[in-house]
Amino acid sequence: MVIKETIESAFFNEPRDIYIYLPPGYEENEDRHYPCLYMQDGQNLFSTQGDSPYGKWDVDITADNLIEEGKIDELIVVGVSNSQWRDDEYTPTFDRSEKSGGMADVYLQFLTQEVIPFINENYRVIADRDATAICGSSLGGLLSLYAIMASPDVFASAAVMSPSIWWDNKVILDMVNSNEYDTDSLKIWLDMGYYEQGDEDEDEGEEEAEDNGGGSGDSDEDGEEAEEGSDETEEDSGEENEEDDPLENARVLCDLLREKGFKDGENFVYYEDPWGLHNEDSWAGRMEMILQFLFPGEEQEEDEE
């Protein structure tokens, strides 16, 4: 079951839709509380949301099947819709070549001070960091990695899918390198597809933003065209980003996280998708593995033992 809610925000000048997936036994088990996964680009996540311009992940169907098979713990999934300011909200710094970015801290305030308290008050979640995870793809993956550095008291786990490591001259690598982690209490999933080189980041909110009369006009990945009328030259508009190899960037990030103490198979997984593209279908296809890593069920835990 997926429920739509709308949250008024003191951090943004417009309300934001969120979508809440509830596990099959939620209504019957009135005394049970559940771990919670917060996901970005929420309007693309669930099968019940009608047509999505870039495709749907069907996270609700995947979770239902895994719960029925005993492969994951029952959980709540909260999908937070993006806005026309997606590039800004999902990035920790301003990228001069993109002419956008740097509002990740504001977005995390919205998430931690408004969305999460709303969910805690209105739904039966386990209101504890150890039961709280964050997930996103592309710029949403970048945001998810940043979140466990900026808000480690809120999120104990992160799924970092096809992160836009190239953003602002790969500033996230410097951030990871300079950050200290309590690796005993953190879990990270990191992935990248073999065929993401040259793929444009499909801005999941772009079409919706245009329909609403919004849009930052900024590109989201690998040198999409800048806003019409900009005096930005081709050389300035992301040519350097186009030369980046997303897979190599992910491998560098993987090595950094291992150096920081994350251990493969324990609190860290790095996965290279042999058929992975930079699109919704590829991300949807990896959710089964991600949910099993973040929220293993009793059957999964017994197999690991």
C-alpha atoms as a PDB file:
ATOM      1  CA  MET A   1       0.000   0.000   0.000  1.00  0.00           C
ATOM      2  CA  VAL A   2       1.272   3.463  -0.935  1.00  0.00           C
ATOM      3  CA  ILE A   3      -0.129   6.654   0.593  1.00  0.00           C
ATOM      4  CA  LYS A   4       0.463  10.184  -0.680  1.00  0.00           C
ATOM      5  CA  GLU A   5       0.953  13.048   1.771  1.00  0.00           C
ATOM      6  CA  THR A   6       1.828  16.716   1.266  1.00  0.00           C
ATOM      7  CA  ILE A   7       4.119  18.577   3.651  1.00  0.00           C
ATOM      8  CA  GLU A   8       4.286  22.329   4.090  1.00  0.00           C
ATOM      9  CA  SER A   9       7.879  23.391   4.613  1.00  0.00           C
ATOM     10  CA  ALA A  10       9.516  26.313   6.352  1.00  0.00           C
ATOM     11  CA  PHE A  11      12.642  25.662   4.277  1.00  0.00           C
ATOM     12  CA  PHE A  12      11.021  25.834   0.828  1.00  0.00           C
ATOM     13  CA  ASN A  13       8.432  28.179  -0.612  1.00  0.00           C
ATOM     14  CA  GLU A  14       6.161  25.402  -1.828  1.00  0.00           C
ATOM     15  CA  PRO A  15       4.675  22.199  -0.347  1.00  0.00           C
ATOM     16  CA  ARG A  16       6.342  18.905  -1.138  1.00  0.00           C
ATOM     17  CA  ASP A  17       4.632  15.591  -1.909  1.00  0.00           C
ATOM     18  CA  ILE A  18       5.857  12.456  -0.201  1.00  0.00           C
ATOM     19  CA  TYR A  19       4.812   8.865  -0.877  1.00  0.00           C
ATOM     20  CA  ILE A  20       4.748   6.289   1.921  1.00  0.00           C
ATOM     21  CA  TYR A  21       4.929   2.562   1.269  1.00  0.00           C
ATOM     22  CA  LEU A  22       3.459   0.465   4.078  1.00  0.00           C
ATOM     23  CA  PRO A  23       4.196  -3.278   4.329  1.00  0.00           C
ATOM     24  CA  PRO A  24       1.407  -5.836   3.795  1.00  0.00           C
ATOM     25  CA  GLY A  25       0.701  -6.450   7.495  1.00  0.00           C
ATOM     26  CA  TYR A  26       0.785  -2.818   8.586  1.00  0.00           C
ATOM     27  CA  GLU A  27      -2.947  -2.354   9.232  1.00  0.00           C
ATOM     28  CA  GLU A  28      -3.392  -5.691  10.999  1.00  0.00           C
ATOM     29  CA  ASN A  29      -0.317  -5.490  13.266  1.00  0.00           C
ATOM     30  CA  GLU A  30      -1.244  -2.325  15.124  1.00  0.00           C
ATOM     31  CA  ASP A  31       1.411  -2.749  17.808  1.00  0.00           C
ATOM     32  CA  ARG A  32       4.327  -3.286  15.465  1.00  0.00           C
ATOM     33  CA  HIS A  33       6.813  -0.571  14.517  1.00  0.00           C
ATOM     34  CA  TYR A  34       9.022  -0.693  11.437  1.00  0.00           C
ATOM     35  CA  PRO A  35      12.427   0.466  10.180  1.00  0.00           C
ATOM     36  CA  CYS A  36      12.261   3.183   7.566  1.00  0.00           C
ATOM     37  CA  LEU A  37      14.029   3.935   4.283  1.00  0.00           C
ATOM     38  CA  TYR A  38      13.969   7.496   2.945  1.00  0.00           C
ATOM     39  CA  MET A  39      14.390   7.749  -0.814  1.00  0.00           C
ATOM     40  CA  GLN A  40      14.875  10.694  -3.152  1.00  0.00           C
ATOM     41  CA  ASP A  41      13.034  11.358  -6.450  1.00  0.00           C
ATOM     42  CA  GLY A  42       9.935   9.976  -4.779  1.00  0.00           C
ATOM     43  CA  GLN A  43       7.537  10.439  -7.690  1.00  0.00           C
ATOM     44  CA  ASN A  44       9.288   7.678  -9.652  1.00  0.00           C
ATOM     45  CA  LEU A  45       9.459   4.962  -7.007  1.00  0.00           C
ATOM     46  CA  PHE A  46       6.148   3.160  -6.760  1.00  0.00           C
ATOM     47  CA  SER A  47       3.911   1.220  -9.119  1.00  0.00           C
ATOM     48  CA  THR A  48       0.794   3.098  -8.011  1.00  0.00           C
ATOM     49  CA  GLN A  49       1.938   6.519  -9.200  1.00  0.00           C
ATOM     50  CA  GLY A  50       0.708   6.356 -12.787  1.00  0.00           C
ATOM     51  CA  ASP A  51       2.957   7.392 -15.651  1.00  0.00           C
ATOM     52  CA  SER A  52       6.407   8.654 -14.734  1.00  0.00           C
ATOM     53  CA  PRO A  53       8.317  10.328 -17.582  1.00  0.00           C
ATOM     54  CA  TYR A  54      11.504   8.389 -16.863  1.00  0.00           C
ATOM     55  CA  GLY A  55      10.008   5.103 -15.677  1.00  0.00           C
ATOM     56  CA  LYS A  56       9.130   3.638 -12.285  1.00  0.00           C
ATOM     57  CA  TRP A  57      11.189   1.574  -9.856  1.00  0.00           C
ATOM     58  CA  ASP A  58       8.217  -0.451  -8.496  1.00  0.00           C
ATOM     59  CA  VAL A  59       9.840  -0.466  -5.057  1.00  0.00           C
ATOM     60  CA  ASP A  60       6.507  -1.428  -3.490  1.00  0.00           C
ATOM     61  CA  ILE A  61       6.242  -4.582  -5.600  1.00  0.00           C
ATOM     62  CA  THR A  62       9.867  -5.525  -4.915  1.00  0.00           C
ATOM     63  CA  ALA A  63       9.441  -5.006  -1.171  1.00  0.00           C
ATOM     64  CA  ASP A  64       6.166  -6.963  -1.062  1.00  0.00           C
ATOM     65  CA  ASN A  65       7.784  -9.935  -2.797  1.00  0.00           C
ATOM     66  CA  LEU A  66      10.898  -9.929  -0.605  1.00  0.00           C
ATOM     67  CA  ILE A  67       8.832  -9.647   2.580  1.00  0.00           C
ATOM     68  CA  GLU A  68       6.626 -12.551   1.504  1.00  0.00           C
ATOM     69  CA  GLU A  69       9.734 -14.657   0.817  1.00  0.00           C
ATOM     70  CA  GLY A  70      11.256 -13.749   4.197  1.00  0.00           C
ATOM     71  CA  LYS A  71      14.288 -12.167   2.559  1.00  0.00           C
ATOM     72  CA  ILE A  72      13.899  -8.736   4.150  1.00  0.00           C
ATOM     73  CA  ASP A  73      12.454  -7.328   7.321  1.00  0.00           C
ATOM     74  CA  GLU A  74       9.125  -5.550   6.977  1.00  0.00           C
ATOM     75  CA  LEU A  75       9.770  -1.855   6.499  1.00  0.00           C
ATOM     76  CA  ILE A  76       8.285   1.505   5.586  1.00  0.00           C
ATOM     77  CA  VAL A  77       9.649   3.359   2.548  1.00  0.00           C
ATOM     78  CA  VAL A  78       9.223   7.122   2.238  1.00  0.00           C
ATOM     79  CA  GLY A  79       9.745   8.637  -1.207  1.00  0.00           C
ATOM     80  CA  VAL A  80      10.334  12.389  -1.148  1.00  0.00           C
ATOM     81  CA  SER A  81       9.456  14.082  -4.425  1.00  0.00           C
ATOM     82  CA  ASN A  82      12.063  16.258  -6.051  1.00  0.00           C
ATOM     83  CA  SER A  83      11.447  19.778  -7.299  1.00  0.00           C
ATOM     84  CA  GLN A  84      12.608  22.053 -10.093  1.00  0.00           C
ATOM     85  CA  TRP A  85      15.558  22.836  -7.819  1.00  0.00           C
ATOM     86  CA  ARG A  86      16.754  19.246  -7.737  1.00  0.00           C
ATOM     87  CA  ASP A  87      20.315  20.102  -8.795  1.00  0.00           C
ATOM     88  CA  ASP A  88      20.579  22.586  -5.944  1.00  0.00           C
ATOM     89  CA  GLU A  89      18.899  20.514  -3.245  1.00  0.00           C
ATOM     90  CA  TYR A  90      20.833  17.312  -3.845  1.00  0.00           C
ATOM     91  CA  THR A  91      24.338  18.820  -3.966  1.00  0.00           C
ATOM     92  CA  PRO A  92      26.553  20.007  -1.103  1.00  0.00           C
ATOM     93  CA  THR A  93      28.478  22.681  -3.027  1.00  0.00           C
ATOM     94  CA  PHE A  94      27.992  25.181  -5.833  1.00  0.00           C
ATOM     95  CA  ASP A  95      29.363  23.914  -9.139  1.00  0.00           C
ATOM     96  CA  ARG A  96      30.527  26.837 -11.282  1.00  0.00           C
ATOM     97  CA  SER A  97      30.320  24.863 -14.518  1.00  0.00           C
ATOM     98  CA  GLU A  98      26.712  23.911 -13.743  1.00  0.00           C
ATOM     99  CA  LYS A  99      25.790  27.296 -12.277  1.00  0.00           C
ATOM    100  CA  SER A 100      23.841  25.550  -9.543  1.00  0.00           C
ATOM    101  CA  GLY A 101      24.141  23.533  -6.366  1.00  0.00           C
ATOM    102  CA  GLY A 102      24.955  23.917  -2.713  1.00  0.00           C
ATOM    103  CA  MET A 103      21.601  23.446  -0.959  1.00  0.00           C
ATOM    104  CA  ALA A 104      22.074  19.915   0.367  1.00  0.00           C
ATOM    105  CA  ASP A 105      22.267  21.153   3.952  1.00  0.00           C
ATOM    106  CA  VAL A 106      18.950  22.967   3.558  1.00  0.00           C
ATOM    107  CA  TYR A 107      17.373  19.894   1.995  1.00  0.00           C
ATOM    108  CA  LEU A 108      18.672  17.732   4.855  1.00  0.00           C
ATOM    109  CA  GLN A 109      17.153  20.169   7.337  1.00  0.00           C
ATOM    110  CA  PHE A 110      13.842  19.747   5.538  1.00  0.00           C
ATOM    111  CA  LEU A 111      14.258  15.975   5.648  1.00  0.00           C
ATOM    112  CA  THR A 112      15.423  15.657   9.250  1.00  0.00           C
ATOM    113  CA  GLN A 113      13.388  18.443  10.851  1.00  0.00           C
ATOM    114  CA  GLU A 114      10.132  18.194   8.912  1.00  0.00           C
ATOM    115  CA  VAL A 115       9.720  14.957   6.935  1.00  0.00           C
ATOM    116  CA  ILE A 116      11.111  12.519   9.493  1.00  0.00           C
ATOM    117  CA  PRO A 117       9.214  14.056  12.457  1.00  0.00           C
ATOM    118  CA  PHE A 118       6.023  13.954  10.372  1.00  0.00           C
ATOM    119  CA  ILE A 119       6.570  10.267   9.605  1.00  0.00           C
ATOM    120  CA  ASN A 120       7.461   9.509  13.238  1.00  0.00           C
ATOM    121  CA  GLU A 121       4.263  11.182  14.430  1.00  0.00           C
ATOM    122  CA  ASN A 122       1.867   9.719  11.897  1.00  0.00           C
ATOM    123  CA  TYR A 123       3.238   6.256  11.080  1.00  0.00           C
ATOM    124  CA  ARG A 124       4.554   3.413  13.190  1.00  0.00           C
ATOM    125  CA  VAL A 125       8.258   3.661  12.493  1.00  0.00           C
ATOM    126  CA  ILE A 126      11.108   2.765  14.799  1.00  0.00           C
ATOM    127  CA  ALA A 127      12.275   6.286  15.608  1.00  0.00           C
ATOM    128  CA  ASP A 128      15.928   5.374  15.986  1.00  0.00           C
ATOM    129  CA  ARG A 129      18.931   6.040  13.747  1.00  0.00           C
ATOM    130  CA  ASP A 130      19.835   2.339  13.658  1.00  0.00           C
ATOM    131  CA  ALA A 131      16.506   1.702  11.928  1.00  0.00           C
ATOM    132  CA  THR A 132      16.764   4.661   9.538  1.00  0.00           C
ATOM    133  CA  ALA A 133      18.364   4.558   6.093  1.00  0.00           C
ATOM    134  CA  ILE A 134      18.618   6.862   3.078  1.00  0.00           C
ATOM    135  CA  CYS A 135      18.820   5.993  -0.621  1.00  0.00           C
ATOM    136  CA  GLY A 136      19.083   7.771  -3.946  1.00  0.00           C
ATOM    137  CA  SER A 137      20.488   7.564  -7.446  1.00  0.00           C
ATOM    138  CA  SER A 138      22.660   9.924  -9.469  1.00  0.00           C
ATOM    139  CA  LEU A 139      22.543  13.310  -7.700  1.00  0.00           C
ATOM    140  CA  GLY A 140      20.266  11.561  -5.211  1.00  0.00           C
ATOM    141  CA  GLY A 141      23.089   9.081  -4.649  1.00  0.00           C
ATOM    142  CA  LEU A 142      25.488  11.951  -4.060  1.00  0.00           C
ATOM    143  CA  LEU A 143      23.024  13.398  -1.554  1.00  0.00           C
ATOM    144  CA  SER A 144      22.661  10.050   0.230  1.00  0.00           C
ATOM    145  CA  LEU A 145      26.410   9.716   0.702  1.00  0.00           C
ATOM    146  CA  TYR A 146      26.639  13.286   1.935  1.00  0.00           C
ATOM    147  CA  ALA A 147      23.743  12.691   4.335  1.00  0.00           C
ATOM    148  CA  ILE A 148      25.537  10.081   6.428  1.00  0.00           C
ATOM    149  CA  MET A 149      28.488  12.461   6.757  1.00  0.00           C
ATOM    150  CA  ALA A 150      26.367  15.531   7.577  1.00  0.00           C
ATOM    151  CA  SER A 151      23.701  13.737   9.674  1.00  0.00           C
ATOM    152  CA  PRO A 152      25.267  10.571  11.133  1.00  0.00           C
ATOM    153  CA  ASP A 153      23.006  10.940  14.165  1.00  0.00           C
ATOM    154  CA  VAL A 154      19.965  10.453  11.911  1.00  0.00           C
ATOM    155  CA  PHE A 155      20.991   7.889   9.284  1.00  0.00           C
ATOM    156  CA  ALA A 156      22.804   4.649  10.057  1.00  0.00           C
ATOM    157  CA  SER A 157      22.721   3.305   6.488  1.00  0.00           C
ATOM    158  CA  ALA A 158      22.899   4.635   2.953  1.00  0.00           C
ATOM    159  CA  ALA A 159      22.417   3.208  -0.517  1.00  0.00           C
ATOM    160  CA  VAL A 160      24.520   5.284  -2.908  1.00  0.00           C
ATOM    161  CA  MET A 161      23.395   4.380  -6.419  1.00  0.00           C
ATOM    162  CA  SER A 162      25.262   5.648  -9.496  1.00  0.00           C
ATOM    163  CA  PRO A 163      26.406   8.746  -7.588  1.00  0.00           C
ATOM    164  CA  SER A 164      27.286  11.885  -9.551  1.00  0.00           C
ATOM    165  CA  ILE A 165      30.833  11.917  -8.239  1.00  0.00           C
ATOM    166  CA  TRP A 166      31.860  14.351 -10.971  1.00  0.00           C
ATOM    167  CA  TRP A 167      29.937  17.182  -9.304  1.00  0.00           C
ATOM    168  CA  ASP A 168      32.068  20.278  -8.575  1.00  0.00           C
ATOM    169  CA  ASN A 169      35.356  18.676  -9.624  1.00  0.00           C
ATOM    170  CA  LYS A 170      34.659  15.556  -7.536  1.00  0.00           C
ATOM    171  CA  VAL A 171      34.447  17.490  -4.296  1.00  0.00           C
ATOM    172  CA  ILE A 172      32.700  14.531  -2.648  1.00  0.00           C
ATOM    173  CA  LEU A 173      35.961  12.550  -2.774  1.00  0.00           C
ATOM    174  CA  ASP A 174      37.702  15.244  -0.709  1.00  0.00           C
ATOM    175  CA  MET A 175      34.791  15.241   1.724  1.00  0.00           C
ATOM    176  CA  VAL A 176      34.909  11.476   2.149  1.00  0.00           C
ATOM    177  CA  ASN A 177      38.667  11.563   2.583  1.00  0.00           C
ATOM    178  CA  SER A 178      38.558  14.248   5.282  1.00  0.00           C
ATOM    179  CA  ASN A 179      35.609  12.788   7.191  1.00  0.00           C
ATOM    180  CA  GLU A 180      35.831  10.409  10.123  1.00  0.00           C
ATOM    181  CA  TYR A 181      33.319   7.564  10.396  1.00  0.00           C
ATOM    182  CA  ASP A 182      32.037   5.377  13.185  1.00  0.00           C
ATOM    183  CA  THR A 183      32.175   2.362  10.913  1.00  0.00           C
ATOM    184  CA  ASP A 184      30.894   0.055  13.649  1.00  0.00           C
ATOM    185  CA  SER A 185      27.492   1.736  13.383  1.00  0.00           C
ATOM    186  CA  LEU A 186      27.265   2.518   9.660  1.00  0.00           C
ATOM    187  CA  LYS A 187      26.409   0.563   6.505  1.00  0.00           C
ATOM    188  CA  ILE A 188      26.984   1.733   2.938  1.00  0.00           C
ATOM    189  CA  TRP A 189      25.895   0.262  -0.372  1.00  0.00           C
ATOM    190  CA  LEU A 190      27.703   1.753  -3.386  1.00  0.00           C
ATOM    191  CA  ASP A 191      27.100   0.822  -7.016  1.00  0.00           C
ATOM    192  CA  MET A 192      27.687   1.869 -10.597  1.00  0.00           C
ATOM    193  CA  GLY A 193      26.728   0.455 -13.992  1.00  0.00           C
ATOM    194  CA  TYR A 194      29.247  -0.624 -16.626  1.00  0.00           C
ATOM    195  CA  TYR A 195      27.470   1.382 -19.314  1.00  0.00           C
ATOM    196  CA  GLU A 196      26.990   4.728 -17.603  1.00  0.00           C
ATOM    197  CA  GLN A 197      29.837   6.396 -19.482  1.00  0.00           C
ATOM    198  CA  GLY A 198      28.371   9.153 -21.652  1.00  0.00           C
ATOM    199  CA  ASP A 199      24.858   8.693 -20.302  1.00  0.00           C
ATOM    200  CA  GLU A 200      23.084  11.894 -19.406  1.00  0.00           C
ATOM    201  CA  ASP A 201      21.558  12.067 -15.974  1.00  0.00           C
ATOM    202  CA  GLU A 202      17.865  12.008 -16.698  1.00  0.00           C
ATOM    203  CA  ASP A 203      16.579  14.726 -14.406  1.00  0.00           C
ATOM    204  CA  GLU A 204      13.567  12.955 -12.984  1.00  0.00           C
ATOM    205  CA  GLY A 205      11.901  16.240 -12.097  1.00  0.00           C
ATOM    206  CA  GLU A 206      12.647  18.197 -15.259  1.00  0.00           C
ATOM    207  CA  GLU A 207       9.445  17.443 -17.162  1.00  0.00           C
ATOM    208  CA  GLU A 208       7.272  17.958 -14.102  1.00  0.00           C
ATOM    209  CA  ALA A 209       9.098  21.194 -13.285  1.00  0.00           C
ATOM    210  CA  GLU A 210       8.526  22.509 -16.787  1.00  0.00           C
ATOM    211  CA  ASP A 211       4.835  21.649 -16.514  1.00  0.00           C
ATOM    212  CA  ASN A 212       4.722  23.692 -13.307  1.00  0.00           C
ATOM    213  CA  GLY A 213       6.469  26.625 -14.925  1.00  0.00           C
ATOM    214  CA  GLY A 214       9.652  26.019 -12.957  1.00  0.00           C
ATOM    215  CA  GLY A 215      13.068  24.683 -13.681  1.00  0.00           C
ATOM    216  CA  SER A 216      16.532  25.871 -12.905  1.00  0.00           C
ATOM    217  CA  GLY A 217      17.723  25.449 -16.472  1.00  0.00           C
ATOM    218  CA  ASP A 218      20.836  23.785 -15.164  1.00  0.00           C
ATOM    219  CA  SER A 219      22.151  20.468 -16.328  1.00  0.00           C
ATOM    220  CA  ASP A 220      22.140  17.402 -14.111  1.00  0.00           C
ATOM    221  CA  GLU A 221      24.836  15.187 -15.533  1.00  0.00           C
ATOM    222  CA  ASP A 222      27.585  14.947 -18.077  1.00  0.00           C
ATOM    223  CA  GLY A 223      27.137  18.253 -19.836  1.00  0.00           C
ATOM    224  CA  GLU A 224      23.458  18.599 -20.677  1.00  0.00           C
ATOM    225  CA  GLU A 225      22.723  21.909 -22.349  1.00  0.00           C
ATOM    226  CA  ALA A 226      22.796  24.967 -20.135  1.00  0.00           C
ATOM    227  CA  GLU A 227      19.904  27.378 -19.884  1.00  0.00           C
ATOM    228  CA  GLU A 228      18.988  28.935 -23.203  1.00  0.00           C
ATOM    229  CA  GLY A 229      20.509  32.356 -23.547  1.00  0.00           C
ATOM    230  CA  SER A 230      23.431  31.599 -21.293  1.00  0.00           C
ATOM    231  CA  ASP A 231      26.776  33.000 -22.342  1.00  0.00           C
ATOM    232  CA  GLU A 232      28.432  29.805 -21.166  1.00  0.00           C
ATOM    233  CA  THR A 233      30.761  28.395 -23.794  1.00  0.00           C
ATOM    234  CA  GLU A 234      30.918  24.740 -24.765  1.00  0.00           C
ATOM    235  CA  GLU A 235      34.289  24.541 -23.106  1.00  0.00           C
ATOM    236  CA  ASP A 236      32.877  25.908 -19.845  1.00  0.00           C
ATOM    237  CA  SER A 237      29.649  23.907 -19.819  1.00  0.00           C
ATOM    238  CA  GLY A 238      30.844  20.540 -18.643  1.00  0.00           C
ATOM    239  CA  GLU A 239      33.301  19.270 -21.222  1.00  0.00           C
ATOM    240  CA  GLU A 240      35.519  18.160 -18.372  1.00  0.00           C
ATOM    241  CA  ASN A 241      32.592  16.214 -16.887  1.00  0.00           C
ATOM    242  CA  GLU A 242      31.983  14.439 -20.188  1.00  0.00           C
ATOM    243  CA  GLU A 243      35.525  13.078 -20.037  1.00  0.00           C
ATOM    244  CA  ASP A 244      34.972  11.578 -16.595  1.00  0.00           C
ATOM    245  CA  ASP A 245      34.557   7.828 -16.350  1.00  0.00           C
ATOM    246  CA  PRO A 246      31.735   7.183 -13.839  1.00  0.00           C
ATOM    247  CA  LEU A 247      32.942   3.633 -13.237  1.00  0.00           C
ATOM    248  CA  GLU A 248      36.489   4.739 -12.480  1.00  0.00           C
ATOM    249  CA  ASN A 249      35.156   7.466 -10.182  1.00  0.00           C
ATOM    250  CA  ALA A 250      33.108   4.859  -8.307  1.00  0.00           C
ATOM    251  CA  ARG A 251      36.162   2.650  -7.909  1.00  0.00           C
ATOM    252  CA  VAL A 252      38.121   5.546  -6.432  1.00  0.00           C
ATOM    253  CA  LEU A 253      35.287   6.241  -4.011  1.00  0.00           C
ATOM    254  CA  CYS A 254      35.116   2.546  -3.145  1.00  0.00           C
ATOM    255  CA  ASP A 255      38.827   2.489  -2.300  1.00  0.00           C
ATOM    256  CA  LEU A 256      38.455   5.593  -0.127  1.00  0.00           C
ATOM    257  CA  LEU A 257      35.621   4.046   1.868  1.00  0.00           C
ATOM    258  CA  ARG A 258      37.639   0.881   2.392  1.00  0.00           C
ATOM    259  CA  GLU A 259      40.554   2.977   3.618  1.00  0.00           C
ATOM    260  CA  LYS A 260      38.162   4.615   6.074  1.00  0.00           C
ATOM    261  CA  GLY A 261      37.411   1.227   7.606  1.00  0.00           C
ATOM    262  CA  PHE A 262      34.344  -0.039   5.752  1.00  0.00           C
ATOM    263  CA  LYS A 263      34.590  -3.797   5.274  1.00  0.00           C
ATOM    264  CA  ASP A 264      33.217  -5.693   2.317  1.00  0.00           C
ATOM    265  CA  GLY A 265      30.379  -8.028   3.189  1.00  0.00           C
ATOM    266  CA  GLU A 266      30.039  -6.611   6.685  1.00  0.00           C
ATOM    267  CA  ASN A 267      29.107  -2.945   6.596  1.00  0.00           C
ATOM    268  CA  PHE A 268      29.947  -2.239   2.964  1.00  0.00           C
ATOM    269  CA  VAL A 269      29.008  -3.510  -0.477  1.00  0.00           C
ATOM    270  CA  TYR A 270      30.406  -2.240  -3.762  1.00  0.00           C
ATOM    271  CA  TYR A 271      28.561  -3.546  -6.806  1.00  0.00           C
ATOM    272  CA  GLU A 272      29.274  -3.009 -10.486  1.00  0.00           C
ATOM    273  CA  ASP A 273      26.179  -3.729 -12.542  1.00  0.00           C
ATOM    274  CA  PRO A 274      27.389  -5.549 -15.695  1.00  0.00           C
ATOM    275  CA  TRP A 275      24.416  -4.264 -17.728  1.00  0.00           C
ATOM    276  CA  GLY A 276      23.786  -1.063 -15.821  1.00  0.00           C
ATOM    277  CA  LEU A 277      22.847   2.176 -17.540  1.00  0.00           C
ATOM    278  CA  HIS A 278      22.144   5.535 -15.949  1.00  0.00           C
ATOM    279  CA  ASN A 279      18.383   5.107 -15.873  1.00  0.00           C
ATOM    280  CA  GLU A 280      15.376   4.097 -13.819  1.00  0.00           C
ATOM    281  CA  ASP A 281      15.242   0.519 -15.117  1.00  0.00           C
ATOM    282  CA  SER A 282      18.797  -0.188 -13.978  1.00  0.00           C
ATOM    283  CA  TRP A 283      18.213   1.316 -10.541  1.00  0.00           C
ATOM    284  CA  ALA A 284      14.944  -0.549 -10.142  1.00  0.00           C
ATOM    285  CA  GLY A 285      16.741  -3.788 -10.967  1.00  0.00           C
ATOM    286  CA  ARG A 286      19.203  -3.287  -8.104  1.00  0.00           C
ATOM    287  CA  MET A 287      16.649  -2.552  -5.404  1.00  0.00           C
ATOM    288  CA  GLU A 288      16.179  -6.216  -4.522  1.00  0.00           C
ATOM    289  CA  MET A 289      19.858  -6.518  -3.557  1.00  0.00           C
ATOM    290  CA  ILE A 290      19.850  -3.172  -1.788  1.00  0.00           C
ATOM    291  CA  LEU A 291      16.834  -3.947   0.377  1.00  0.00           C
ATOM    292  CA  GLN A 292      18.358  -7.277   1.366  1.00  0.00           C
ATOM    293  CA  PHE A 293      21.588  -5.555   2.380  1.00  0.00           C
ATOM    294  CA  LEU A 294      19.944  -2.744   4.340  1.00  0.00           C
ATOM    295  CA  PHE A 295      17.060  -4.695   5.900  1.00  0.00           C
ATOM    296  CA  PRO A 296      17.901  -8.417   5.912  1.00  0.00           C
ATOM    297  CA  GLY A 297      15.118 -10.734   7.005  1.00  0.00           C
ATOM    298  CA  GLU A 298      15.504 -13.720   9.282  1.00  0.00           C
ATOM    299  CA  GLU A 299      16.085 -16.072   6.334  1.00  0.00           C
ATOM    300  CA  GLN A 300      18.788 -13.770   4.956  1.00  0.00           C
ATOM    301  CA  GLU A 301      20.538 -13.479   8.322  1.00  0.00           C
ATOM    302  CA  GLU A 302      20.497 -17.270   8.801  1.00  0.00           C
ATOM    303  CA  ASP A 303      22.088 -17.758   5.368  1.00  0.00           C
ATOM    304  CA  GLU A 304      24.873 -15.299   6.268  1.00  0.00           C
ATOM    305  CA  GLU A 305      25.582 -17.209   9.473  1.00  0.00           C
END
